[in-house]
């Protein structure tokens, strides 16, 4: 499977969240159709790959760029989407 490494990381993250009892929702978002969630994700991805502040490595097996996720800091009483 060409994207097995991405799928494996997603499964591991879901397992961590469910083990910790955290609410997790999966939403199907159609790409390239002007949906807000997709557009925001595209903007964040573009910023991540163009920033010198974001550490990047190449995946050993696939030679794809891998960026390290950092949990955003939230102010007390705010919700981030």
PDB file of N, CA and C in Angstrom:
ATOM      1  N   UNK A   1       0.853  -1.172   0.000  1.00  0.00           N
ATOM      2  CA  UNK A   1       0.000   0.000   0.000  1.00  0.00           C
ATOM      3  C   UNK A   1       0.899   1.236   0.000  1.00  0.00           C
ATOM      4  N   UNK A   2       0.697   2.166  -0.939  1.00  0.00           N
ATOM      5  CA  UNK A   2       1.618   3.298  -1.078  1.00  0.00           C
ATOM      6  C   UNK A   2       1.646   4.258   0.113  1.00  0.00           C
ATOM      7  N   UNK A   3       0.544   4.421   0.817  1.00  0.00           N
ATOM      8  CA  UNK A   3       0.499   5.363   1.935  1.00  0.00           C
ATOM      9  C   UNK A   3       0.392   4.666   3.287  1.00  0.00           C
ATOM     10  N   UNK A   4       0.937   3.466   3.374  1.00  0.00           N
ATOM     11  CA  UNK A   4       0.827   2.675   4.610  1.00  0.00           C
ATOM     12  C   UNK A   4       1.466   3.394   5.792  1.00  0.00           C
ATOM     13  N   UNK A   5       2.555   4.130   5.570  1.00  0.00           N
ATOM     14  CA  UNK A   5       3.211   4.827   6.674  1.00  0.00           C
ATOM     15  C   UNK A   5       2.310   5.913   7.255  1.00  0.00           C
ATOM     16  N   UNK A   6       1.587   6.610   6.410  1.00  0.00           N
ATOM     17  CA  UNK A   6       0.676   7.658   6.879  1.00  0.00           C
ATOM     18  C   UNK A   6      -0.490   7.016   7.632  1.00  0.00           C
ATOM     19  N   UNK A   7      -1.034   5.956   7.073  1.00  0.00           N
ATOM     20  CA  UNK A   7      -2.143   5.265   7.710  1.00  0.00           C
ATOM     21  C   UNK A   7      -1.731   4.709   9.071  1.00  0.00           C
ATOM     22  N   UNK A   8      -0.542   4.142   9.164  1.00  0.00           N
ATOM     23  CA  UNK A   8      -0.055   3.581  10.433  1.00  0.00           C
ATOM     24  C   UNK A   8       0.045   4.667  11.504  1.00  0.00           C
ATOM     25  N   UNK A   9       0.568   5.831  11.133  1.00  0.00           N
ATOM     26  CA  UNK A   9       0.677   6.927  12.103  1.00  0.00           C
ATOM     27  C   UNK A   9      -0.697   7.405  12.546  1.00  0.00           C
ATOM     28  N   UNK A  10      -1.653   7.453  11.622  1.00  0.00           N
ATOM     29  CA  UNK A  10      -3.009   7.882  11.973  1.00  0.00           C
ATOM     30  C   UNK A  10      -3.645   6.883  12.938  1.00  0.00           C
ATOM     31  N   UNK A  11      -3.469   5.603  12.674  1.00  0.00           N
ATOM     32  CA  UNK A  11      -4.021   4.568  13.555  1.00  0.00           C
ATOM     33  C   UNK A  11      -3.405   4.658  14.946  1.00  0.00           C
ATOM     34  N   UNK A  12      -2.096   4.861  15.014  1.00  0.00           N
ATOM     35  CA  UNK A  12      -1.426   4.981  16.315  1.00  0.00           C
ATOM     36  C   UNK A  12      -1.948   6.188  17.088  1.00  0.00           C
ATOM     37  N   UNK A  13      -2.150   7.300  16.403  1.00  0.00           N
ATOM     38  CA  UNK A  13      -2.665   8.500  17.068  1.00  0.00           C
ATOM     39  C   UNK A  13      -4.089   8.264  17.573  1.00  0.00           C
ATOM     40  N   UNK A  14      -4.915   7.599  16.774  1.00  0.00           N
ATOM     41  CA  UNK A  14      -6.276   7.285  17.202  1.00  0.00           C
ATOM     42  C   UNK A  14      -6.268   6.359  18.420  1.00  0.00           C
ATOM     43  N   UNK A  15      -5.361   5.386  18.423  1.00  0.00           N
ATOM     44  CA  UNK A  15      -5.263   4.478  19.566  1.00  0.00           C
ATOM     45  C   UNK A  15      -4.873   5.232  20.836  1.00  0.00           C
ATOM     46  N   UNK A  16      -3.937   6.172  20.728  1.00  0.00           N
ATOM     47  CA  UNK A  16      -3.537   6.971  21.889  1.00  0.00           C
ATOM     48  C   UNK A  16      -4.725   7.760  22.431  1.00  0.00           C
ATOM     49  N   UNK A  17      -5.467   8.390  21.514  1.00  0.00           N
ATOM     50  CA  UNK A  17      -6.589   9.225  21.929  1.00  0.00           C
ATOM     51  C   UNK A  17      -7.690   8.403  22.585  1.00  0.00           C
ATOM     52  N   UNK A  18      -8.024   7.257  22.002  1.00  0.00           N
ATOM     53  CA  UNK A  18      -9.091   6.442  22.579  1.00  0.00           C
ATOM     54  C   UNK A  18      -8.662   5.830  23.908  1.00  0.00           C
ATOM     55  N   UNK A  19      -7.401   5.438  24.016  1.00  0.00           N
ATOM     56  CA  UNK A  19      -6.889   4.900  25.280  1.00  0.00           C
ATOM     57  C   UNK A  19      -6.957   5.959  26.376  1.00  0.00           C
ATOM     58  N   UNK A  20      -6.697   7.211  26.013  1.00  0.00           N
ATOM     59  CA  UNK A  20      -6.742   8.316  26.974  1.00  0.00           C
ATOM     60  C   UNK A  20      -8.177   8.787  27.238  1.00  0.00           C
ATOM     61  N   UNK A  21      -9.147   8.211  26.511  1.00  0.00           N
ATOM     62  CA  UNK A  21     -10.543   8.599  26.715  1.00  0.00           C
ATOM     63  C   UNK A  21     -10.897   9.936  26.097  1.00  0.00           C
ATOM     64  N   UNK A  22     -10.107  10.391  25.138  1.00  0.00           N
ATOM     65  CA  UNK A  22     -10.365  11.677  24.491  1.00  0.00           C
ATOM     66  C   UNK A  22     -11.383  11.509  23.376  1.00  0.00           C
ATOM     67  N   UNK A  23     -12.302  12.455  23.289  1.00  0.00           N
ATOM     68  CA  UNK A  23     -13.296  12.430  22.215  1.00  0.00           C
ATOM     69  C   UNK A  23     -12.597  12.679  20.882  1.00  0.00           C
ATOM     70  N   UNK A  24     -12.909  11.860  19.908  1.00  0.00           N
ATOM     71  CA  UNK A  24     -12.278  11.984  18.601  1.00  0.00           C
ATOM     72  C   UNK A  24     -13.354  11.826  17.532  1.00  0.00           C
ATOM     73  N   UNK A  25     -13.375  12.746  16.593  1.00  0.00           N
ATOM     74  CA  UNK A  25     -14.364  12.713  15.523  1.00  0.00           C
ATOM     75  C   UNK A  25     -13.645  12.719  14.184  1.00  0.00           C
ATOM     76  N   UNK A  26     -14.032  11.834  13.311  1.00  0.00           N
ATOM     77  CA  UNK A  26     -13.490  11.792  11.955  1.00  0.00           C
ATOM     78  C   UNK A  26     -14.547  12.360  11.016  1.00  0.00           C
ATOM     79  N   UNK A  27     -14.128  13.283  10.165  1.00  0.00           N
ATOM     80  CA  UNK A  27     -15.058  13.939   9.257  1.00  0.00           C
ATOM     81  C   UNK A  27     -14.524  13.799   7.845  1.00  0.00           C
ATOM     82  N   UNK A  28     -15.375  13.379   6.941  1.00  0.00           N
ATOM     83  CA  UNK A  28     -14.993  13.276   5.541  1.00  0.00           C
ATOM     84  C   UNK A  28     -15.102  14.660   4.904  1.00  0.00           C
ATOM     85  N   UNK A  29     -13.996  15.178   4.408  1.00  0.00           N
ATOM     86  CA  UNK A  29     -13.976  16.485   3.775  1.00  0.00           C
ATOM     87  C   UNK A  29     -13.507  16.302   2.340  1.00  0.00           C
ATOM     88  N   UNK A  30     -14.330  16.719   1.391  1.00  0.00           N
ATOM     89  CA  UNK A  30     -13.963  16.590  -0.011  1.00  0.00           C
ATOM     90  C   UNK A  30     -12.899  17.627  -0.344  1.00  0.00           C
ATOM     91  N   UNK A  31     -11.853  17.178  -0.989  1.00  0.00           N
ATOM     92  CA  UNK A  31     -10.743  18.070  -1.337  1.00  0.00           C
ATOM     93  C   UNK A  31     -11.059  18.878  -2.597  1.00  0.00           C
ATOM     94  N   UNK A  32     -10.497  20.067  -2.654  1.00  0.00           N
ATOM     95  CA  UNK A  32     -10.556  20.930  -3.839  1.00  0.00           C
ATOM     96  C   UNK A  32     -11.984  21.277  -4.252  1.00  0.00           C
ATOM     97  N   UNK A  33     -12.847  21.438  -3.255  1.00  0.00           N
ATOM     98  CA  UNK A  33     -14.242  21.810  -3.549  1.00  0.00           C
ATOM     99  C   UNK A  33     -14.634  23.088  -2.802  1.00  0.00           C
ATOM    100  N   UNK A  34     -13.642  23.778  -2.251  1.00  0.00           N
ATOM    101  CA  UNK A  34     -13.913  25.026  -1.554  1.00  0.00           C
ATOM    102  C   UNK A  34     -14.429  24.868  -0.136  1.00  0.00           C
ATOM    103  N   UNK A  35     -14.377  23.647   0.419  1.00  0.00           N
ATOM    104  CA  UNK A  35     -14.839  23.452   1.789  1.00  0.00           C
ATOM    105  C   UNK A  35     -13.845  24.100   2.759  1.00  0.00           C
ATOM    106  N   UNK A  36     -14.366  24.792   3.748  1.00  0.00           N
ATOM    107  CA  UNK A  36     -13.542  25.566   4.670  1.00  0.00           C
ATOM    108  C   UNK A  36     -12.471  24.715   5.342  1.00  0.00           C
ATOM    109  N   UNK A  37     -12.837  23.550   5.848  1.00  0.00           N
ATOM    110  CA  UNK A  37     -11.867  22.706   6.554  1.00  0.00           C
ATOM    111  C   UNK A  37     -10.711  22.310   5.636  1.00  0.00           C
ATOM    112  N   UNK A  38     -11.011  22.007   4.393  1.00  0.00           N
ATOM    113  CA  UNK A  38      -9.967  21.626   3.438  1.00  0.00           C
ATOM    114  C   UNK A  38      -9.078  22.824   3.104  1.00  0.00           C
ATOM    115  N   UNK A  39      -9.682  23.978   2.910  1.00  0.00           N
ATOM    116  CA  UNK A  39      -8.902  25.173   2.582  1.00  0.00           C
ATOM    117  C   UNK A  39      -7.968  25.555   3.727  1.00  0.00           C
ATOM    118  N   UNK A  40      -8.474  25.473   4.965  1.00  0.00           N
ATOM    119  CA  UNK A  40      -7.638  25.779   6.138  1.00  0.00           C
ATOM    120  C   UNK A  40      -6.484  24.790   6.235  1.00  0.00           C
ATOM    121  N   UNK A  41      -6.766  23.502   6.010  1.00  0.00           N
ATOM    122  CA  UNK A  41      -5.712  22.488   6.053  1.00  0.00           C
ATOM    123  C   UNK A  41      -4.664  22.749   4.982  1.00  0.00           C
ATOM    124  N   UNK A  42      -5.100  23.129   3.787  1.00  0.00           N
ATOM    125  CA  UNK A  42      -4.153  23.439   2.703  1.00  0.00           C
ATOM    126  C   UNK A  42      -3.263  24.627   3.058  1.00  0.00           C
ATOM    127  N   UNK A  43      -3.856  25.656   3.645  1.00  0.00           N
ATOM    128  CA  UNK A  43      -3.088  26.844   4.042  1.00  0.00           C
ATOM    129  C   UNK A  43      -2.056  26.481   5.106  1.00  0.00           C
ATOM    130  N   UNK A  44      -2.471  25.695   6.107  1.00  0.00           N
ATOM    131  CA  UNK A  44      -1.546  25.287   7.173  1.00  0.00           C
ATOM    132  C   UNK A  44      -0.426  24.406   6.618  1.00  0.00           C
ATOM    133  N   UNK A  45      -0.764  23.519   5.695  1.00  0.00           N
ATOM    134  CA  UNK A  45       0.262  22.661   5.096  1.00  0.00           C
ATOM    135  C   UNK A  45       1.255  23.490   4.303  1.00  0.00           C
ATOM    136  N   UNK A  46       0.757  24.465   3.536  1.00  0.00           N
ATOM    137  CA  UNK A  46       1.656  25.336   2.771  1.00  0.00           C
ATOM    138  C   UNK A  46       2.592  26.115   3.690  1.00  0.00           C
ATOM    139  N   UNK A  47       2.055  26.625   4.801  1.00  0.00           N
ATOM    140  CA  UNK A  47       2.896  27.351   5.760  1.00  0.00           C
ATOM    141  C   UNK A  47       3.958  26.432   6.354  1.00  0.00           C
ATOM    142  N   UNK A  48       3.563  25.207   6.674  1.00  0.00           N
ATOM    143  CA  UNK A  48       4.501  24.265   7.296  1.00  0.00           C
ATOM    144  C   UNK A  48       5.649  23.929   6.359  1.00  0.00           C
ATOM    145  N   UNK A  49       5.348  23.684   5.097  1.00  0.00           N
ATOM    146  CA  UNK A  49       6.424  23.276   4.186  1.00  0.00           C
ATOM    147  C   UNK A  49       7.290  24.437   3.740  1.00  0.00           C
ATOM    148  N   UNK A  50       6.791  25.670   3.885  1.00  0.00           N
ATOM    149  CA  UNK A  50       7.587  26.814   3.449  1.00  0.00           C
ATOM    150  C   UNK A  50       8.321  27.507   4.598  1.00  0.00           C
ATOM    151  N   UNK A  51       8.054  27.116   5.834  1.00  0.00           N
ATOM    152  CA  UNK A  51       8.667  27.752   6.992  1.00  0.00           C
ATOM    153  C   UNK A  51      10.004  27.105   7.333  1.00  0.00           C
ATOM    154  N   UNK A  52      10.983  27.922   7.647  1.00  0.00           N
ATOM    155  CA  UNK A  52      12.277  27.408   8.099  1.00  0.00           C
ATOM    156  C   UNK A  52      12.233  26.998   9.566  1.00  0.00           C
ATOM    157  N   UNK A  53      11.162  27.393  10.273  1.00  0.00           N
ATOM    158  CA  UNK A  53      11.034  27.089  11.700  1.00  0.00           C
ATOM    159  C   UNK A  53      10.479  25.692  11.965  1.00  0.00           C
ATOM    160  N   UNK A  54       9.940  25.059  10.939  1.00  0.00           N
ATOM    161  CA  UNK A  54       9.315  23.740  11.106  1.00  0.00           C
ATOM    162  C   UNK A  54      10.323  22.666  10.715  1.00  0.00           C
ATOM    163  N   UNK A  55      10.678  21.790  11.675  1.00  0.00           N
ATOM    164  CA  UNK A  55      11.658  20.752  11.351  1.00  0.00           C
ATOM    165  C   UNK A  55      11.110  19.746  10.337  1.00  0.00           C
ATOM    166  N   UNK A  56      11.923  19.397   9.349  1.00  0.00           N
ATOM    167  CA  UNK A  56      11.519  18.443   8.337  1.00  0.00           C
ATOM    168  C   UNK A  56      12.556  17.339   8.232  1.00  0.00           C
ATOM    169  N   UNK A  57      12.067  16.126   8.064  1.00  0.00           N
ATOM    170  CA  UNK A  57      12.938  14.981   7.827  1.00  0.00           C
ATOM    171  C   UNK A  57      12.378  14.240   6.627  1.00  0.00           C
ATOM    172  N   UNK A  58      13.183  13.390   6.032  1.00  0.00           N
ATOM    173  CA  UNK A  58      12.678  12.532   4.968  1.00  0.00           C
ATOM    174  C   UNK A  58      12.437  11.151   5.548  1.00  0.00           C
ATOM    175  N   UNK A  59      11.301  10.571   5.236  1.00  0.00           N
ATOM    176  CA  UNK A  59      10.950   9.239   5.710  1.00  0.00           C
ATOM    177  C   UNK A  59      11.927   8.241   5.103  1.00  0.00           C
ATOM    178  N   UNK A  60      12.459   7.354   5.943  1.00  0.00           N
ATOM    179  CA  UNK A  60      13.477   6.400   5.485  1.00  0.00           C
ATOM    180  C   UNK A  60      13.020   5.528   4.323  1.00  0.00           C
ATOM    181  N   UNK A  61      11.800   5.016   4.411  1.00  0.00           N
ATOM    182  CA  UNK A  61      11.342   4.061   3.409  1.00  0.00           C
ATOM    183  C   UNK A  61      10.779   4.726   2.155  1.00  0.00           C
ATOM    184  N   UNK A  62       9.995   5.802   2.331  1.00  0.00           N
ATOM    185  CA  UNK A  62       9.307   6.404   1.189  1.00  0.00           C
ATOM    186  C   UNK A  62      10.018   7.633   0.637  1.00  0.00           C
ATOM    187  N   UNK A  63      10.975   8.174   1.393  1.00  0.00           N
ATOM    188  CA  UNK A  63      11.695   9.390   1.006  1.00  0.00           C
ATOM    189  C   UNK A  63      10.763  10.600   0.869  1.00  0.00           C
ATOM    190  N   UNK A  64       9.625  10.547   1.567  1.00  0.00           N
ATOM    191  CA  UNK A  64       8.692  11.666   1.596  1.00  0.00           C
ATOM    192  C   UNK A  64       9.059  12.605   2.730  1.00  0.00           C
ATOM    193  N   UNK A  65       8.715  13.879   2.567  1.00  0.00           N
ATOM    194  CA  UNK A  65       8.949  14.849   3.632  1.00  0.00           C
ATOM    195  C   UNK A  65       8.047  14.536   4.819  1.00  0.00           C
ATOM    196  N   UNK A  66       8.600  14.595   6.017  1.00  0.00           N
ATOM    197  CA  UNK A  66       7.848  14.347   7.245  1.00  0.00           C
ATOM    198  C   UNK A  66       8.032  15.564   8.135  1.00  0.00           C
ATOM    199  N   UNK A  67       6.926  16.141   8.567  1.00  0.00           N
ATOM    200  CA  UNK A  67       6.967  17.293   9.448  1.00  0.00           C
ATOM    201  C   UNK A  67       6.500  16.871  10.823  1.00  0.00           C
ATOM    202  N   UNK A  68       7.132  17.384  11.857  1.00  0.00           N
ATOM    203  CA  UNK A  68       6.800  17.012  13.222  1.00  0.00           C
ATOM    204  C   UNK A  68       5.631  17.847  13.725  1.00  0.00           C
ATOM    205  N   UNK A  69       4.564  17.158  14.138  1.00  0.00           N
ATOM    206  CA  UNK A  69       3.377  17.841  14.663  1.00  0.00           C
ATOM    207  C   UNK A  69       3.674  18.378  16.048  1.00  0.00           C
ATOM    208  N   UNK A  70       3.303  19.624  16.269  1.00  0.00           N
ATOM    209  CA  UNK A  70       3.433  20.224  17.586  1.00  0.00           C
ATOM    210  C   UNK A  70       2.058  20.705  18.006  1.00  0.00           C
ATOM    211  N   UNK A  71       1.605  20.240  19.159  1.00  0.00           N
ATOM    212  CA  UNK A  71       0.287  20.633  19.657  1.00  0.00           C
ATOM    213  C   UNK A  71       0.258  22.145  19.847  1.00  0.00           C
ATOM    214  N   UNK A  72      -0.730  22.827  19.246  1.00  0.00           N
ATOM    215  CA  UNK A  72      -0.792  24.282  19.416  1.00  0.00           C
ATOM    216  C   UNK A  72      -1.120  24.646  20.859  1.00  0.00           C
ATOM    217  N   UNK A  73      -0.547  25.728  21.309  1.00  0.00           N
ATOM    218  CA  UNK A  73      -0.829  26.204  22.658  1.00  0.00           C
ATOM    219  C   UNK A  73      -2.160  26.938  22.640  1.00  0.00           C
ATOM    220  N   UNK A  74      -3.010  26.613  23.599  1.00  0.00           N
ATOM    221  CA  UNK A  74      -4.328  27.233  23.667  1.00  0.00           C
ATOM    222  C   UNK A  74      -4.421  28.111  24.896  1.00  0.00           C
ATOM    223  N   UNK A  75      -5.126  29.189  24.736  1.00  0.00           N
ATOM    224  CA  UNK A  75      -5.405  30.040  25.883  1.00  0.00           C
ATOM    225  C   UNK A  75      -6.518  29.409  26.693  1.00  0.00           C
ATOM    226  N   UNK A  76      -6.496  29.648  27.983  1.00  0.00           N
ATOM    227  CA  UNK A  76      -7.505  29.092  28.888  1.00  0.00           C
ATOM    228  C   UNK A  76      -8.906  29.499  28.413  1.00  0.00           C
ATOM    229  N   UNK A  77      -9.788  28.510  28.269  1.00  0.00           N
ATOM    230  CA  UNK A  77     -11.181  28.790  27.920  1.00  0.00           C
ATOM    231  C   UNK A  77     -11.450  28.943  26.436  1.00  0.00           C
ATOM    232  N   UNK A  78     -10.467  28.676  25.568  1.00  0.00           N
ATOM    233  CA  UNK A  78     -10.700  28.799  24.132  1.00  0.00           C
ATOM    234  C   UNK A  78     -10.760  27.424  23.503  1.00  0.00           C
ATOM    235  N   UNK A  79     -11.391  27.369  22.351  1.00  0.00           N
ATOM    236  CA  UNK A  79     -11.496  26.128  21.592  1.00  0.00           C
ATOM    237  C   UNK A  79     -10.845  26.350  20.248  1.00  0.00           C
ATOM    238  N   UNK A  80     -10.045  25.371  19.812  1.00  0.00           N
ATOM    239  CA  UNK A  80      -9.358  25.478  18.526  1.00  0.00           C
ATOM    240  C   UNK A  80      -9.848  24.385  17.603  1.00  0.00           C
ATOM    241  N   UNK A  81     -10.085  24.719  16.340  1.00  0.00           N
ATOM    242  CA  UNK A  81     -10.538  23.733  15.363  1.00  0.00           C
ATOM    243  C   UNK A  81      -9.519  23.509  14.298  1.00  0.00           C
TER     244      UNK A  81
END
